[in-house]
C-alpha atoms as a PDB file:
ATOM      1  CA  MET A   1       0.156  -0.002   0.002  1.00  0.00           C
ATOM      2  CA  LEU A   2       2.529   2.200   0.792  1.00  0.00           C
ATOM      3  CA  VAL A   3       4.597   1.544  -2.191  1.00  0.00           C
ATOM      4  CA  GLU A   4       1.711   2.104  -4.261  1.00  0.00           C
ATOM      5  CA  LEU A   5       1.063   5.505  -2.823  1.00  0.00           C
ATOM      6  CA  GLN A   6       4.905   6.608  -3.338  1.00  0.00           C
ATOM      7  CA  THR A   7       4.592   5.355  -7.028  1.00  0.00           C
ATOM      8  CA  LYS A   8       1.314   7.573  -7.511  1.00  0.00           C
ATOM      9  CA  LEU A   9       3.092  10.379  -5.524  1.00  0.00           C
ATOM     10  CA  SER A  10       6.125  10.339  -7.958  1.00  0.00           C
ATOM     11  CA  PHE A  11       3.878  10.132 -10.800  1.00  0.00           C
ATOM     12  CA  GLN A  12       1.735  13.190  -9.997  1.00  0.00           C
ATOM     13  CA  GLU A  13       4.984  14.915  -9.314  1.00  0.00           C
ATOM     14  CA  ASP A  14       6.358  14.321 -12.718  1.00  0.00           C
ATOM     15  CA  LEU A  15       3.147  15.345 -14.279  1.00  0.00           C
ATOM     16  CA  LEU A  16       3.174  18.702 -12.392  1.00  0.00           C
ATOM     17  CA  GLN A  17       6.698  19.229 -13.438  1.00  0.00           C
ATOM     18  CA  GLN A  18       5.497  18.292 -17.090  1.00  0.00           C
ATOM     19  CA  LEU A  19       2.743  20.819 -16.971  1.00  0.00           C
ATOM     20  CA  ASN A  20       4.778  23.556 -15.411  1.00  0.00           C
ATOM     21  CA  THR A  21       7.081  23.170 -18.422  1.00  0.00           C
ATOM     22  CA  VAL A  22       4.357  23.484 -20.654  1.00  0.00           C
ATOM     23  CA  VAL A  23       2.711  26.472 -19.053  1.00  0.00           C
ATOM     24  CA  THR A  24       6.069  28.356 -18.911  1.00  0.00           C
ATOM     25  CA  ARG A  25       6.802  27.569 -22.736  1.00  0.00           C
ATOM     26  CA  GLN A  26       3.218  28.884 -23.419  1.00  0.00           C
ATOM     27  CA  GLN A  27       3.715  32.008 -21.547  1.00  0.00           C
ATOM     28  CA  ASN A  28       7.054  32.875 -23.276  1.00  0.00           C
ATOM     29  CA  GLN A  29       5.444  32.197 -26.547  1.00  0.00           C
ATOM     30  CA  ILE A  30       2.618  34.744 -25.442  1.00  0.00           C
ATOM     31  CA  ASP A  31       5.280  37.316 -24.247  1.00  0.00           C
ATOM     32  CA  GLU A  32       7.022  36.946 -27.430  1.00  0.00           C
ATOM     33  CA  LEU A  33       3.866  37.405 -29.533  1.00  0.00           C
ATOM     34  CA  ARG A  34       2.794  40.597 -27.489  1.00  0.00           C
ATOM     35  CA  ARG A  35       6.295  42.181 -28.203  1.00  0.00           C
ATOM     36  CA  ILE A  36       5.875  41.477 -31.928  1.00  0.00           C
ATOM     37  CA  GLU A  37       2.440  42.976 -31.921  1.00  0.00           C
ATOM     38  CA  ILE A  38       4.106  46.164 -30.218  1.00  0.00           C
ATOM     39  CA  LEU A  39       6.918  46.304 -32.680  1.00  0.00           C
ATOM     40  CA  HIS A  40       4.318  46.082 -35.874  1.00  0.00           C
END
């Protein structure tokens, strides 16, 4: 039981890190698009 919970927690932590990476990348893209819009 404990091993299963640790496994699930580890998996969730990995998913959260992946999500954070995606959100950060998207925010960077949004920021870049805003800069492009300001320049044109």
